[in-house]
Amino acid sequence: MKTADHCLLWCAAVSSAWFFVSLTRLWPLADFPCFIDSSSWRQDAGALCERQRISILDASAARQLWVDEPAIDYVERAYGTPLTQALIRGGLPVIAHRVVFKAAGSPDNVVVMIGRDDRVLGWDRSIQEDAPGGHLDADSAEGVARRALGETNGAPTDISLVERSQSERSKRRDHRLVFEWQQPEAHGLRERREMVVAGDLVIKSWGTVVVPADEERATRTRLAPVDGIQVLGEAGLTLGGLAALWVFLTRLPQGRVRLGPPARCALVLWLLLVVVNLLQQARLFERWDPLWPHWLADGYRLLSWSLDDLTVVLPLFVFLAAADTLDRDLPASLSRGETLWKLGRGDLRDAGVVRASLRGFAVGCLCGGVLATGVLLLELCGARVGLQPRGFFFYPLNSAAPALTTLCFFAHIALFEELGYRFFAGTWIERLSGRRWLAILIPALVYGAMHSVFGFLPPCEPFWARPLLLALVGCVWGWAFFRFDALTVVLSHFTADLFIFNWPALASGRPLLVASAIGTILVPLIPGIIGMLWPRRATAISPPA
């Protein structure tokens, strides 16, 4: 092993330990169970429906984790993280398990929100306009609604009715009432609950946190520079895509573009996305119109999503074909794509693939250490990290197979971003400018700008901190690309994402989830492990006769 590899190994070991112990600080999880047994939520939601005379006979159900991001941002900013966690434990409706019931052939559905300790946070039942019911007067409807409040929040002493209306249906009278009360633990924090009484049945009891108007205006102001940076990133990515298309189209008539390997790689990426879509069973269920056959609705939705995914697959094909063309123009000793194609052919024991696996895992850990150190330094300057989960965390958390979804989704992310930002853009800029530092810096800046709006990445404030820190991580990947090869940076990006998005499972304390998460994180090391345990024997060369 080279001295440089020894140094990388030691740096990776230190960085991985630092990254792992920093996960709680980088991605603080809301004090809420992200994973819940199906028997538990089915029982709690079913009991609520029975008490409220909501029929779910013959209904199927699905569950998704839900977070009200604007509300949780406001509460955390205004009252601090410790009090926000206490309010979440007390049932503040900013995070919940969203349980949906539907029955084939029935036009209606029921949504029940389940909080901590199997607590019902609210429900909403759709009902047809011509469904029959009673004709309660305003006072009677208010009494029914106030009694139903006990299902979710007991009976706050300072509750106020702030809005009411009624409407006449053909066979019943509906009442809509909005109640508000102050949270006793947080001065000025108001919770609002919308109640709907259809006939004599409470069909809706939905709680929200009231975000004051001045806070909403301040949030819009804060988002302006973030969106501006994102637009700059999109402009840079678009220019890169046009450059790749130009290289592709100008070299294609000359017969210098290989179509097969890039097409196979793009097909693999598309299949990864198809698997991710298939595993989003709760998302599919929520979009199912029960007046449609289930198979037809799922087929329609999956086909629609798969066609949308082509907007990712086709650019990747162009990026990859253009990058491969530029890479093959280089001397063989400088080629950075060969190990990628060898892995694509399934050659896990190739020496270059084995080294890329080991180095990729090490560089991924190194990037985690850079991220942890950067966030720590920014926090000393006043940066803030927000509660999780958000964004991409929901792909595995709401999946029928979280580990498989994590692998497929973040393999596609690593392929698209590293083959675009580093394999094409890095190679192309170095060739145009002759300056490697520009080939590292420019893609990293675009990468950082493109991630400025992603709330699942730390820090969330100030607006410039996240793109700056992600650009720094992008520089590490740029260095690794030129120091090693394309496969190394793909696997390093994959490794970093697996550490991040397995964090809820690692933090769950549930042995099976923890074991599954650890196994998932180690997947990028598979070629390295295979190569070390079953190395390929060198082929003896016969002496000339």
Protein backbone atom coordinates (compact mmCIF):
# COMPACT_ATOMS: atom_id res chain seq x y z
CA MET A 1 0.00 0.00 0.00
CA LYS A 2 1.30 3.46 -0.90
CA THR A 3 2.16 6.01 1.76
CA ALA A 4 -0.62 8.28 0.46
CA ASP A 5 -3.12 5.46 0.93
CA HIS A 6 -1.89 4.92 4.49
CA CYS A 7 -2.46 8.61 5.21
CA LEU A 8 -5.92 8.46 3.64
CA LEU A 9 -6.76 5.39 5.73
CA TRP A 10 -5.78 7.09 8.99
CA CYS A 11 -7.60 10.31 8.07
CA ALA A 12 -10.69 8.27 7.13
CA ALA A 13 -10.61 6.38 10.44
CA VAL A 14 -10.46 9.60 12.44
CA SER A 15 -13.05 11.30 10.23
CA SER A 16 -15.49 8.40 10.40
CA ALA A 17 -15.33 8.36 14.20
CA TRP A 18 -15.78 12.14 14.34
CA PHE A 19 -18.61 12.00 11.78
CA PHE A 20 -20.41 9.21 13.64
CA VAL A 21 -20.30 10.93 17.03
CA SER A 22 -21.44 14.17 15.34
CA LEU A 23 -24.56 12.69 13.72
CA THR A 24 -26.74 13.75 16.63
CA ARG A 25 -25.53 17.33 16.30
CA LEU A 26 -25.64 17.44 12.49
CA TRP A 27 -29.06 15.82 12.15
CA PRO A 28 -30.86 16.18 15.51
CA LEU A 29 -33.96 14.01 15.30
CA ALA A 30 -37.28 15.18 16.66
CA ASP A 31 -38.16 13.36 19.88
CA PHE A 32 -40.64 11.21 18.05
CA PRO A 33 -40.61 7.54 16.97
CA CYS A 34 -39.83 7.52 13.23
CA PHE A 35 -40.65 3.80 13.11
CA ILE A 36 -43.88 2.35 14.49
CA ASP A 37 -45.30 -1.18 14.34
CA SER A 38 -48.25 -1.61 12.00
CA SER A 39 -50.28 -3.40 14.67
CA SER A 40 -49.97 -0.36 16.92
CA TRP A 41 -51.09 2.33 14.48
CA ARG A 42 -53.86 0.17 13.04
CA GLN A 43 -55.26 -0.47 16.50
CA ASP A 44 -55.11 3.18 17.63
CA ALA A 45 -56.57 4.57 14.40
CA GLY A 46 -59.26 1.90 14.35
CA ALA A 47 -60.27 2.64 17.94
CA LEU A 48 -60.60 6.35 17.15
CA CYS A 49 -62.78 5.60 14.11
CA GLU A 50 -65.01 3.36 16.19
CA ARG A 51 -65.50 6.02 18.87
CA GLN A 52 -66.30 8.66 16.26
CA ARG A 53 -68.69 6.35 14.39
CA ILE A 54 -66.49 6.31 11.30
CA SER A 55 -66.86 3.06 9.43
CA ILE A 56 -63.63 1.50 8.16
CA LEU A 57 -65.13 -1.92 7.52
CA ASP A 58 -63.23 -3.76 4.74
CA ALA A 59 -60.84 -0.80 4.42
CA SER A 60 -57.13 -1.14 3.74
CA ALA A 61 -54.63 1.20 5.39
CA ALA A 62 -51.20 2.69 4.85
CA ARG A 63 -48.92 4.86 7.00
CA GLN A 64 -46.49 7.69 6.25
CA LEU A 65 -44.36 9.84 8.53
CA TRP A 66 -45.41 13.49 8.15
CA VAL A 67 -43.68 16.72 9.26
CA ASP A 68 -45.03 20.27 9.10
CA GLU A 69 -41.70 21.89 8.20
CA PRO A 70 -42.75 25.60 8.27
CA ALA A 71 -44.37 25.15 11.68
CA ILE A 72 -41.49 23.23 13.24
CA ASP A 73 -39.05 25.82 11.85
CA TYR A 74 -41.02 28.62 13.47
CA VAL A 75 -41.30 26.90 16.85
CA GLU A 76 -37.63 25.95 16.93
CA ARG A 77 -36.48 29.42 15.91
CA ALA A 78 -38.79 31.20 18.36
CA TYR A 79 -38.54 28.91 21.39
CA GLY A 80 -35.33 26.92 20.95
CA THR A 81 -34.70 23.24 20.36
CA PRO A 82 -35.12 21.92 23.95
CA LEU A 83 -38.57 23.48 24.35
CA THR A 84 -39.56 22.40 20.85
CA GLN A 85 -38.66 18.82 21.75
CA ALA A 86 -40.72 19.08 24.94
CA LEU A 87 -43.70 20.41 22.97
CA ILE A 88 -43.38 17.55 20.47
CA ARG A 89 -43.41 15.09 23.35
CA GLY A 90 -46.55 16.84 24.59
CA GLY A 91 -48.37 16.32 21.29
CA LEU A 92 -47.73 19.52 19.32
CA PRO A 93 -49.10 18.73 15.81
CA VAL A 94 -45.91 19.30 13.84
CA ILE A 95 -44.91 15.65 13.34
CA ALA A 96 -47.09 12.55 13.18
CA HIS A 97 -47.73 9.23 11.52
CA ARG A 98 -50.35 9.82 8.86
CA VAL A 99 -52.63 6.77 8.56
CA VAL A 100 -54.98 6.57 5.56
CA PHE A 101 -57.93 4.18 5.29
CA LYS A 102 -59.60 3.41 1.95
CA ALA A 103 -61.99 0.71 0.79
CA ALA A 104 -62.34 -0.40 -2.82
CA GLY A 105 -65.53 0.97 -4.35
CA SER A 106 -66.03 3.60 -1.66
CA PRO A 107 -65.57 7.25 -2.70
CA ASP A 108 -64.50 8.33 0.80
CA ASN A 109 -61.32 7.98 2.81
CA VAL A 110 -60.24 8.53 6.40
CA VAL A 111 -56.97 10.10 7.58
CA VAL A 112 -55.87 9.70 11.22
CA MET A 113 -52.77 11.38 12.66
CA ILE A 114 -50.97 9.32 15.31
CA GLY A 115 -48.47 11.01 17.63
CA ARG A 116 -46.14 9.85 20.39
CA ASP A 117 -47.31 7.18 22.80
CA ASP A 118 -50.13 6.16 20.42
CA ARG A 119 -51.83 9.54 20.92
CA VAL A 120 -54.37 10.61 18.30
CA LEU A 121 -53.48 14.11 17.05
CA GLY A 122 -56.36 14.52 14.62
CA TRP A 123 -58.48 13.01 11.89
CA ASP A 124 -60.19 13.96 8.65
CA ARG A 125 -62.90 11.96 6.92
CA SER A 126 -64.16 12.83 3.46
CA ILE A 127 -67.93 12.67 3.05
CA GLN A 128 -70.11 13.02 -0.03
CA GLU A 129 -72.21 16.15 -0.39
CA ASP A 130 -75.42 14.14 -0.76
CA ALA A 131 -74.77 11.90 2.27
CA PRO A 132 -77.65 12.13 4.76
CA GLY A 133 -77.27 13.47 8.30
CA GLY A 134 -78.81 15.61 11.02
CA HIS A 135 -79.61 19.33 11.10
CA LEU A 136 -78.01 20.53 14.34
CA ASP A 137 -78.29 24.13 15.40
CA ALA A 138 -75.13 26.17 16.07
CA ASP A 139 -75.02 25.58 19.84
CA SER A 140 -75.56 21.84 19.52
CA ALA A 141 -72.87 21.56 16.84
CA GLU A 142 -70.44 23.48 19.06
CA GLY A 143 -71.17 21.10 21.93
CA VAL A 144 -70.48 18.07 19.72
CA ALA A 145 -67.21 19.64 18.54
CA ARG A 146 -66.04 20.52 22.05
CA ARG A 147 -66.68 16.99 23.25
CA ALA A 148 -64.61 15.66 20.34
CA LEU A 149 -61.70 17.88 21.36
CA GLY A 150 -61.10 15.47 24.22
CA GLU A 151 -59.98 12.85 21.70
CA THR A 152 -56.83 14.81 20.97
CA ASN A 153 -55.95 17.50 23.50
CA GLY A 154 -58.14 17.05 26.53
CA ALA A 155 -59.97 20.23 27.45
CA PRO A 156 -57.70 23.30 27.56
CA THR A 157 -59.03 25.89 29.96
CA ASP A 158 -58.26 28.85 27.71
CA ILE A 159 -59.81 27.50 24.51
CA SER A 160 -61.56 30.07 22.31
CA LEU A 161 -63.90 29.74 19.36
CA VAL A 162 -62.47 32.16 16.78
CA GLU A 163 -64.37 31.25 13.64
CA ARG A 164 -67.60 29.48 12.71
CA SER A 165 -69.76 28.95 9.65
CA GLN A 166 -72.48 26.60 8.51
CA SER A 167 -73.74 25.37 5.18
CA GLU A 168 -76.90 23.59 4.12
CA ARG A 169 -76.56 20.37 2.16
CA SER A 170 -79.36 18.56 0.40
CA LYS A 171 -79.79 16.07 3.27
CA ARG A 172 -77.93 17.58 6.25
CA ARG A 173 -76.42 20.70 7.78
CA ASP A 174 -72.64 21.10 8.14
CA HIS A 175 -70.85 23.29 10.67
CA ARG A 176 -67.23 24.42 10.56
CA LEU A 177 -65.68 25.66 13.80
CA VAL A 178 -62.13 26.85 14.49
CA PHE A 179 -60.77 26.84 18.04
CA GLU A 180 -57.53 28.35 19.32
CA TRP A 181 -55.62 28.18 22.56
CA GLN A 182 -52.24 29.18 23.95
CA GLN A 183 -49.61 26.59 24.74
CA PRO A 184 -48.97 27.00 28.48
CA GLU A 185 -45.31 25.96 28.14
CA ALA A 186 -44.49 28.53 25.42
CA HIS A 187 -45.77 32.08 25.80
CA GLY A 188 -47.30 33.36 22.58
CA LEU A 189 -47.45 29.98 20.84
CA ARG A 190 -50.96 29.28 19.59
CA GLU A 191 -52.46 26.04 18.41
CA ARG A 192 -55.46 26.03 16.10
CA ARG A 193 -57.91 23.20 15.55
CA GLU A 194 -60.40 23.08 12.71
CA MET A 195 -63.52 21.03 13.46
CA VAL A 196 -66.19 20.04 10.94
CA VAL A 197 -69.52 18.60 12.06
CA ALA A 198 -71.41 17.00 9.17
CA GLY A 199 -74.94 16.38 10.35
CA ASP A 200 -74.23 15.12 13.86
CA LEU A 201 -70.89 13.46 13.04
CA VAL A 202 -67.48 15.09 13.62
CA ILE A 203 -65.67 14.33 10.38
CA LYS A 204 -62.67 16.60 10.91
CA SER A 205 -60.51 17.54 13.87
CA TRP A 206 -57.27 18.92 12.48
CA GLY A 207 -54.66 20.70 14.55
CA THR A 208 -52.03 23.15 13.32
CA VAL A 209 -49.56 25.55 14.86
CA VAL A 210 -50.37 29.20 14.15
CA VAL A 211 -47.40 30.82 12.45
CA PRO A 212 -47.75 34.59 12.99
CA ALA A 213 -48.00 36.81 9.93
CA ASP A 214 -44.79 38.67 10.77
CA GLU A 215 -42.94 35.36 11.01
CA GLU A 216 -44.32 34.27 7.63
CA ARG A 217 -43.09 37.53 6.09
CA ALA A 218 -39.68 37.10 7.73
CA THR A 219 -39.47 33.54 6.38
CA ARG A 220 -40.22 34.76 2.86
CA THR A 221 -37.48 37.35 3.25
CA ARG A 222 -35.01 34.73 4.47
CA LEU A 223 -35.82 32.44 1.54
CA ALA A 224 -35.12 35.08 -1.12
CA PRO A 225 -31.28 34.75 -1.11
CA VAL A 226 -31.56 30.97 -0.74
CA ASP A 227 -33.72 30.75 -3.85
CA GLY A 228 -31.34 33.13 -5.61
CA ILE A 229 -28.36 30.88 -4.90
CA GLN A 230 -30.40 27.89 -6.08
CA VAL A 231 -31.15 29.65 -9.37
CA LEU A 232 -27.43 30.31 -9.86
CA GLY A 233 -26.77 26.63 -9.26
CA GLU A 234 -29.44 25.63 -11.76
CA ALA A 235 -27.93 28.01 -14.29
CA GLY A 236 -24.52 26.42 -13.79
CA LEU A 237 -25.95 22.92 -14.10
CA THR A 238 -27.83 23.91 -17.26
CA LEU A 239 -24.64 25.31 -18.81
CA GLY A 240 -22.88 22.08 -17.93
CA GLY A 241 -25.69 20.08 -19.55
CA LEU A 242 -25.46 22.19 -22.72
CA ALA A 243 -21.69 21.70 -22.79
CA ALA A 244 -22.14 17.93 -22.46
CA LEU A 245 -24.72 17.95 -25.24
CA TRP A 246 -22.35 19.96 -27.45
CA VAL A 247 -19.50 17.50 -26.86
CA PHE A 248 -21.87 14.60 -27.50
CA LEU A 249 -23.31 15.98 -30.75
CA THR A 250 -20.01 17.17 -32.19
CA ARG A 251 -18.20 13.89 -31.51
CA LEU A 252 -21.05 11.56 -32.47
CA PRO A 253 -20.75 12.05 -36.27
CA GLN A 254 -17.01 11.38 -35.95
CA GLY A 255 -17.71 7.99 -34.41
CA ARG A 256 -15.91 8.95 -31.21
CA VAL A 257 -18.88 8.47 -28.85
CA ARG A 258 -19.49 5.10 -27.22
CA LEU A 259 -23.21 4.60 -26.75
CA GLY A 260 -23.37 1.14 -25.18
CA PRO A 261 -21.72 1.58 -21.75
CA PRO A 262 -23.35 4.97 -21.01
CA ALA A 263 -26.72 3.60 -22.11
CA ARG A 264 -26.37 0.60 -19.80
CA CYS A 265 -25.40 2.85 -16.89
CA ALA A 266 -28.39 5.12 -17.57
CA LEU A 267 -30.65 2.06 -17.74
CA VAL A 268 -29.34 0.88 -14.36
CA LEU A 269 -30.11 4.29 -12.88
CA TRP A 270 -33.64 4.21 -14.33
CA LEU A 271 -34.21 0.73 -12.88
CA LEU A 272 -33.02 1.95 -9.47
CA LEU A 273 -35.68 4.67 -9.61
CA VAL A 274 -38.32 2.16 -10.69
CA VAL A 275 -37.51 0.05 -7.62
CA VAL A 276 -37.72 3.14 -5.38
CA ASN A 277 -41.14 3.98 -6.84
CA LEU A 278 -42.40 0.42 -6.40
CA LEU A 279 -41.43 0.50 -2.73
CA GLN A 280 -43.31 3.73 -2.01
CA GLN A 281 -46.44 1.74 -1.22
CA ALA A 282 -47.91 4.28 1.21
CA ARG A 283 -47.45 7.07 -1.33
CA LEU A 284 -49.13 4.96 -4.00
CA PHE A 285 -51.95 4.08 -1.63
CA GLU A 286 -52.61 7.71 -0.72
CA ARG A 287 -52.92 8.60 -4.41
CA TRP A 288 -55.22 5.69 -5.17
CA ASP A 289 -58.77 6.65 -6.07
CA PRO A 290 -60.72 3.69 -4.64
CA LEU A 291 -63.28 4.00 -7.45
CA TRP A 292 -60.47 2.78 -9.74
CA PRO A 293 -59.17 -0.81 -9.68
CA HIS A 294 -56.11 -0.79 -7.44
CA TRP A 295 -53.82 -2.37 -10.03
CA LEU A 296 -54.86 0.13 -12.67
CA ALA A 297 -54.28 3.13 -10.41
CA ASP A 298 -50.87 1.86 -9.30
CA GLY A 299 -49.87 1.06 -12.88
CA TYR A 300 -50.88 4.52 -14.04
CA ARG A 301 -48.99 6.23 -11.23
CA LEU A 302 -45.84 4.10 -11.63
CA LEU A 303 -45.79 4.70 -15.38
CA SER A 304 -46.19 8.42 -14.83
CA TRP A 305 -43.35 8.51 -12.29
CA SER A 306 -41.11 6.40 -14.54
CA LEU A 307 -41.65 8.79 -17.45
CA ASP A 308 -40.84 11.72 -15.16
CA ASP A 309 -37.63 9.95 -14.14
CA LEU A 310 -36.44 10.11 -17.73
CA THR A 311 -35.69 13.80 -17.08
CA VAL A 312 -32.88 12.48 -14.83
CA VAL A 313 -31.87 9.45 -16.89
CA LEU A 314 -31.45 11.18 -20.26
CA PRO A 315 -29.18 13.97 -18.94
CA LEU A 316 -27.09 11.33 -17.16
CA PHE A 317 -26.69 9.45 -20.43
CA VAL A 318 -25.49 12.61 -22.19
CA PHE A 319 -23.15 13.54 -19.32
CA LEU A 320 -21.72 10.06 -19.21
CA ALA A 321 -21.28 9.64 -22.96
CA ALA A 322 -19.59 13.06 -23.23
CA ALA A 323 -17.37 12.39 -20.21
CA ASP A 324 -16.37 8.99 -21.57
CA THR A 325 -15.42 10.56 -24.90
CA LEU A 326 -13.21 13.15 -23.21
CA ASP A 327 -11.74 10.53 -20.90
CA ARG A 328 -10.72 8.25 -23.76
CA ASP A 329 -8.89 11.15 -25.41
CA LEU A 330 -6.49 11.13 -22.46
CA PRO A 331 -3.47 8.84 -22.17
CA ALA A 332 -4.34 5.49 -20.60
CA SER A 333 -2.42 6.39 -17.44
CA LEU A 334 -4.70 9.41 -16.90
CA SER A 335 -8.01 7.67 -17.65
CA ARG A 336 -10.49 7.94 -14.78
CA GLY A 337 -13.44 5.96 -16.12
CA GLU A 338 -12.09 2.45 -16.69
CA THR A 339 -12.88 1.09 -13.21
CA LEU A 340 -16.44 2.40 -13.52
CA TRP A 341 -16.98 0.34 -16.66
CA LYS A 342 -15.35 -2.71 -15.08
CA LEU A 343 -17.72 -2.54 -12.13
CA GLY A 344 -20.59 -2.10 -14.59
CA ARG A 345 -19.55 -5.38 -16.20
CA GLY A 346 -19.67 -7.05 -12.77
CA ASP A 347 -15.90 -7.44 -12.37
CA LEU A 348 -15.81 -7.10 -8.57
CA ARG A 349 -12.36 -8.66 -8.22
CA ASP A 350 -10.54 -6.31 -10.55
CA ALA A 351 -7.66 -4.66 -8.69
CA GLY A 352 -8.74 -1.16 -9.73
CA VAL A 353 -12.34 -1.77 -8.64
CA VAL A 354 -11.15 -3.17 -5.30
CA ARG A 355 -8.96 -0.11 -4.67
CA ALA A 356 -11.80 2.24 -5.70
CA SER A 357 -14.12 0.50 -3.24
CA LEU A 358 -11.71 0.86 -0.33
CA ARG A 359 -10.64 4.38 -1.24
CA GLY A 360 -14.22 5.44 -1.94
CA PHE A 361 -15.36 4.35 1.50
CA ALA A 362 -12.39 6.15 3.04
CA VAL A 363 -13.06 9.37 1.09
CA GLY A 364 -16.74 9.17 2.05
CA CYS A 365 -15.74 9.06 5.71
CA LEU A 366 -13.32 11.93 5.11
CA CYS A 367 -16.14 14.02 3.62
CA GLY A 368 -18.26 13.25 6.68
CA GLY A 369 -15.47 14.53 8.90
CA VAL A 370 -15.15 17.70 6.79
CA LEU A 371 -18.90 18.26 7.06
CA ALA A 372 -18.90 17.72 10.84
CA THR A 373 -15.96 20.07 11.34
CA GLY A 374 -17.48 22.71 9.09
CA VAL A 375 -20.80 22.66 10.91
CA LEU A 376 -19.05 22.91 14.28
CA LEU A 377 -17.09 25.97 13.16
CA LEU A 378 -20.18 27.58 11.63
CA GLU A 379 -22.15 26.96 14.83
CA LEU A 380 -19.48 28.88 16.72
CA CYS A 381 -20.24 31.75 14.30
CA GLY A 382 -23.99 31.55 15.00
CA ALA A 383 -25.18 29.00 12.44
CA ARG A 384 -28.26 26.92 13.32
CA VAL A 385 -29.06 23.27 12.64
CA GLY A 386 -32.72 22.26 12.28
CA LEU A 387 -34.63 19.28 13.61
CA GLN A 388 -35.05 16.31 11.32
CA PRO A 389 -36.31 14.26 9.49
CA ARG A 390 -37.05 16.17 6.31
CA GLY A 391 -36.73 15.85 2.56
CA PHE A 392 -34.87 12.79 1.32
CA PHE A 393 -35.16 11.13 4.74
CA PHE A 394 -38.77 10.30 3.89
CA TYR A 395 -37.85 8.00 0.99
CA PRO A 396 -36.55 5.21 3.28
CA LEU A 397 -38.71 6.14 6.29
CA ASN A 398 -41.93 5.73 4.29
CA SER A 399 -40.79 2.76 2.23
CA ALA A 400 -42.02 -0.82 2.31
CA ALA A 401 -38.32 -1.86 2.42
CA PRO A 402 -36.26 0.96 3.96
CA ALA A 403 -32.81 -0.61 3.45
CA LEU A 404 -33.40 -1.44 -0.23
CA THR A 405 -34.89 2.00 -0.88
CA THR A 406 -31.89 3.66 0.76
CA LEU A 407 -29.50 1.72 -1.45
CA CYS A 408 -31.38 2.30 -4.70
CA PHE A 409 -32.25 5.96 -4.18
CA PHE A 410 -28.83 7.11 -3.01
CA ALA A 411 -26.99 4.99 -5.58
CA HIS A 412 -28.90 6.98 -8.21
CA ILE A 413 -28.03 10.26 -6.46
CA ALA A 414 -24.33 9.37 -6.29
CA LEU A 415 -24.23 8.29 -9.94
CA PHE A 416 -26.01 11.35 -11.30
CA GLU A 417 -24.16 13.95 -9.26
CA GLU A 418 -20.62 12.60 -9.40
CA LEU A 419 -20.72 11.59 -13.07
CA GLY A 420 -22.10 15.02 -13.90
CA TYR A 421 -20.20 17.35 -11.57
CA ARG A 422 -16.90 15.50 -11.52
CA PHE A 423 -16.54 12.99 -14.39
CA PHE A 424 -17.86 15.33 -17.08
CA ALA A 425 -17.55 18.86 -15.69
CA GLY A 426 -14.20 18.28 -14.01
CA THR A 427 -12.68 16.63 -17.09
CA TRP A 428 -14.12 19.23 -19.46
CA ILE A 429 -13.06 22.29 -17.45
CA GLU A 430 -9.55 20.94 -16.95
CA ARG A 431 -9.30 20.34 -20.69
CA LEU A 432 -10.56 23.84 -21.54
CA SER A 433 -8.58 25.78 -18.95
CA GLY A 434 -5.56 23.60 -18.29
CA ARG A 435 -6.01 24.43 -14.59
CA ARG A 436 -7.00 21.61 -12.30
CA TRP A 437 -7.93 23.89 -9.43
CA LEU A 438 -10.64 25.44 -11.61
CA ALA A 439 -11.86 21.96 -12.56
CA ILE A 440 -12.22 21.21 -8.84
CA LEU A 441 -13.63 24.57 -7.70
CA ILE A 442 -16.25 25.42 -10.34
CA PRO A 443 -18.22 22.13 -10.17
CA ALA A 444 -18.00 22.29 -6.36
CA LEU A 445 -19.50 25.80 -6.31
CA VAL A 446 -22.35 24.73 -8.60
CA TYR A 447 -22.87 21.64 -6.45
CA GLY A 448 -23.05 23.74 -3.28
CA ALA A 449 -25.48 26.22 -4.88
CA MET A 450 -27.74 23.40 -6.08
CA HIS A 451 -28.07 22.16 -2.50
CA SER A 452 -28.89 25.52 -0.93
CA VAL A 453 -32.63 24.76 -0.53
CA PHE A 454 -32.29 21.23 0.85
CA GLY A 455 -33.53 21.49 4.44
CA PHE A 456 -32.25 18.04 5.35
CA LEU A 457 -28.65 19.26 5.05
CA PRO A 458 -26.99 21.29 7.81
CA PRO A 459 -26.81 24.08 8.66
CA CYS A 460 -30.15 25.75 7.93
CA GLU A 461 -29.07 29.30 8.81
CA PRO A 462 -27.51 31.65 7.76
CA PHE A 463 -28.47 31.31 4.10
CA TRP A 464 -24.87 31.16 2.83
CA ALA A 465 -23.65 28.49 5.26
CA ARG A 466 -25.13 25.40 3.61
CA PRO A 467 -23.95 26.12 0.02
CA LEU A 468 -20.52 27.12 1.34
CA LEU A 469 -20.11 23.94 3.33
CA LEU A 470 -21.41 21.70 0.53
CA ALA A 471 -19.05 23.43 -1.90
CA LEU A 472 -16.18 22.54 0.45
CA VAL A 473 -17.30 18.89 0.44
CA GLY A 474 -17.54 19.11 -3.35
CA CYS A 475 -13.90 20.24 -3.45
CA VAL A 476 -12.93 17.08 -1.54
CA TRP A 477 -14.74 14.98 -4.14
CA GLY A 478 -13.07 16.96 -6.92
CA TRP A 479 -9.68 16.29 -5.38
CA ALA A 480 -10.51 12.57 -5.05
CA PHE A 481 -11.64 12.41 -8.67
CA PHE A 482 -8.35 13.76 -10.01
CA ARG A 483 -6.29 11.88 -7.44
CA PHE A 484 -8.02 8.55 -8.07
CA ASP A 485 -10.91 7.98 -10.50
CA ALA A 486 -14.64 8.36 -11.18
CA LEU A 487 -15.67 5.15 -9.40
CA THR A 488 -13.92 6.29 -6.21
CA VAL A 489 -15.95 9.51 -5.99
CA VAL A 490 -19.22 7.75 -6.86
CA LEU A 491 -18.66 5.23 -4.06
CA SER A 492 -17.50 7.96 -1.65
CA HIS A 493 -20.66 10.00 -2.29
CA PHE A 494 -22.70 6.82 -1.87
CA THR A 495 -20.94 6.07 1.44
CA ALA A 496 -21.57 9.54 2.85
CA ASP A 497 -25.27 9.40 1.94
CA LEU A 498 -25.65 5.95 3.48
CA PHE A 499 -24.22 7.22 6.77
CA ILE A 500 -26.59 10.20 6.75
CA PHE A 501 -29.85 8.60 5.73
CA ASN A 502 -29.46 5.50 7.87
CA TRP A 503 -29.17 7.73 10.93
CA PRO A 504 -32.86 7.41 11.97
CA ALA A 505 -32.55 3.62 11.88
CA LEU A 506 -29.26 3.71 13.81
CA ALA A 507 -30.81 6.01 16.41
CA SER A 508 -33.98 3.93 16.75
CA GLY A 509 -32.40 1.51 19.21
CA ARG A 510 -34.26 -1.38 17.57
CA PRO A 511 -31.79 -4.23 16.99
CA LEU A 512 -33.07 -5.33 13.59
CA LEU A 513 -33.15 -1.77 12.24
CA VAL A 514 -29.68 -1.02 13.62
CA ALA A 515 -28.24 -4.20 12.10
CA SER A 516 -29.90 -3.47 8.77
CA ALA A 517 -28.55 0.08 8.78
CA ILE A 518 -24.99 -1.08 9.52
CA GLY A 519 -25.18 -3.67 6.74
CA THR A 520 -26.47 -1.04 4.32
CA ILE A 521 -23.66 1.40 5.15
CA LEU A 522 -21.07 -1.29 4.39
CA VAL A 523 -22.40 -2.04 0.87
CA PRO A 524 -19.86 0.21 -0.94
CA LEU A 525 -17.13 -1.94 0.63
CA ILE A 526 -18.38 -5.16 -1.00
CA PRO A 527 -15.89 -5.12 -3.93
CA GLY A 528 -13.07 -4.30 -1.51
CA ILE A 529 -14.02 -7.14 0.84
CA ILE A 530 -14.35 -9.60 -2.05
CA GLY A 531 -11.03 -8.50 -3.49
CA MET A 532 -9.23 -8.94 -0.17
CA LEU A 533 -10.79 -12.31 0.65
CA TRP A 534 -10.63 -13.80 -2.85
CA PRO A 535 -7.94 -11.89 -4.75
CA ARG A 536 -7.58 -12.61 -8.42
CA ARG A 537 -4.56 -14.69 -9.19
CA ALA A 538 -2.01 -13.16 -11.51
CA THR A 539 -1.82 -14.91 -14.87
CA ALA A 540 1.57 -16.41 -15.52
CA ILE A 541 3.24 -15.22 -18.71
CA SER A 542 5.00 -17.96 -20.63
CA PRO A 543 8.54 -17.12 -21.76
CA PRO A 544 9.04 -16.78 -25.50
CA ALA A 545 10.04 -19.96 -27.28
